[in-house]
């Protein structure tokens, strides 16, 4: 199963779908952390927590361009 980050970087989904993934995780018995479930690394998780959605979006956009 592909995670949010993989699908987003592949251009399969829009960034806003992160909310659907968070809801799915919240309503599941998944034992992974939310970051693991989404496919985020430690840096991405920290940026998301400390700076919010816009900062995570920018970080992932940079990866799309690389």
Protein backbone atom coordinates (compact mmCIF):
# COMPACT_ATOMS: atom_id res chain seq x y z
CA UNK A 1 0.00 0.00 0.00
CA UNK A 2 1.34 3.42 -0.89
CA UNK A 3 1.25 6.19 1.66
CA UNK A 4 0.29 9.85 1.38
CA UNK A 5 3.80 11.12 0.65
CA UNK A 6 4.45 8.56 -2.09
CA UNK A 7 1.14 9.29 -3.79
CA UNK A 8 1.54 13.07 -3.46
CA UNK A 9 5.08 13.10 -4.86
CA UNK A 10 3.89 10.91 -7.74
CA UNK A 11 1.21 13.51 -8.54
CA UNK A 12 -1.63 11.09 -7.85
CA UNK A 13 -3.32 13.21 -5.16
CA UNK A 14 -3.56 16.83 -4.04
CA UNK A 15 -1.86 17.99 -0.82
CA UNK A 16 -5.23 18.66 0.81
CA UNK A 17 -5.90 14.93 0.87
CA UNK A 18 -3.53 14.75 3.85
CA UNK A 19 -6.63 15.48 5.96
CA UNK A 20 -8.31 12.31 4.66
CA UNK A 21 -5.23 10.29 5.58
CA UNK A 22 -5.20 11.81 9.08
CA UNK A 23 -8.89 10.91 9.48
CA UNK A 24 -8.22 7.38 8.23
CA UNK A 25 -5.38 6.97 10.75
CA UNK A 26 -7.49 8.40 13.59
CA UNK A 27 -10.25 5.88 12.85
CA UNK A 28 -7.96 2.88 12.48
CA UNK A 29 -6.17 0.45 14.76
CA UNK A 30 -2.88 1.12 12.97
CA UNK A 31 0.02 0.89 15.42
CA UNK A 32 2.31 3.15 13.40
CA UNK A 33 2.73 6.79 14.33
CA UNK A 34 0.85 9.28 12.19
CA UNK A 35 4.11 10.35 10.55
CA UNK A 36 4.94 6.74 9.68
CA UNK A 37 1.43 6.22 8.33
CA UNK A 38 1.79 9.29 6.10
CA UNK A 39 5.33 8.34 5.03
CA UNK A 40 6.93 11.45 6.53
CA UNK A 41 10.51 11.44 7.72
CA UNK A 42 11.59 13.11 10.96
CA UNK A 43 12.44 16.45 9.34
CA UNK A 44 9.08 16.58 7.54
CA UNK A 45 7.21 15.66 10.72
CA UNK A 46 9.03 18.37 12.69
CA UNK A 47 8.29 21.03 10.06
CA UNK A 48 4.63 19.99 9.96
CA UNK A 49 4.28 20.13 13.75
CA UNK A 50 6.30 23.31 14.28
CA UNK A 51 5.26 25.33 11.23
CA UNK A 52 2.05 23.80 9.86
CA UNK A 53 0.56 22.53 6.63
CA UNK A 54 1.96 25.29 4.42
CA UNK A 55 5.54 24.56 5.49
CA UNK A 56 5.11 20.82 4.90
CA UNK A 57 3.58 21.57 1.50
CA UNK A 58 6.61 23.67 0.54
CA UNK A 59 9.02 20.98 1.71
CA UNK A 60 7.25 18.28 -0.31
CA UNK A 61 7.04 20.56 -3.35
CA UNK A 62 10.83 20.93 -3.24
CA UNK A 63 11.11 17.13 -3.37
CA UNK A 64 8.84 17.01 -6.42
CA UNK A 65 11.20 19.37 -8.24
CA UNK A 66 14.40 17.45 -7.35
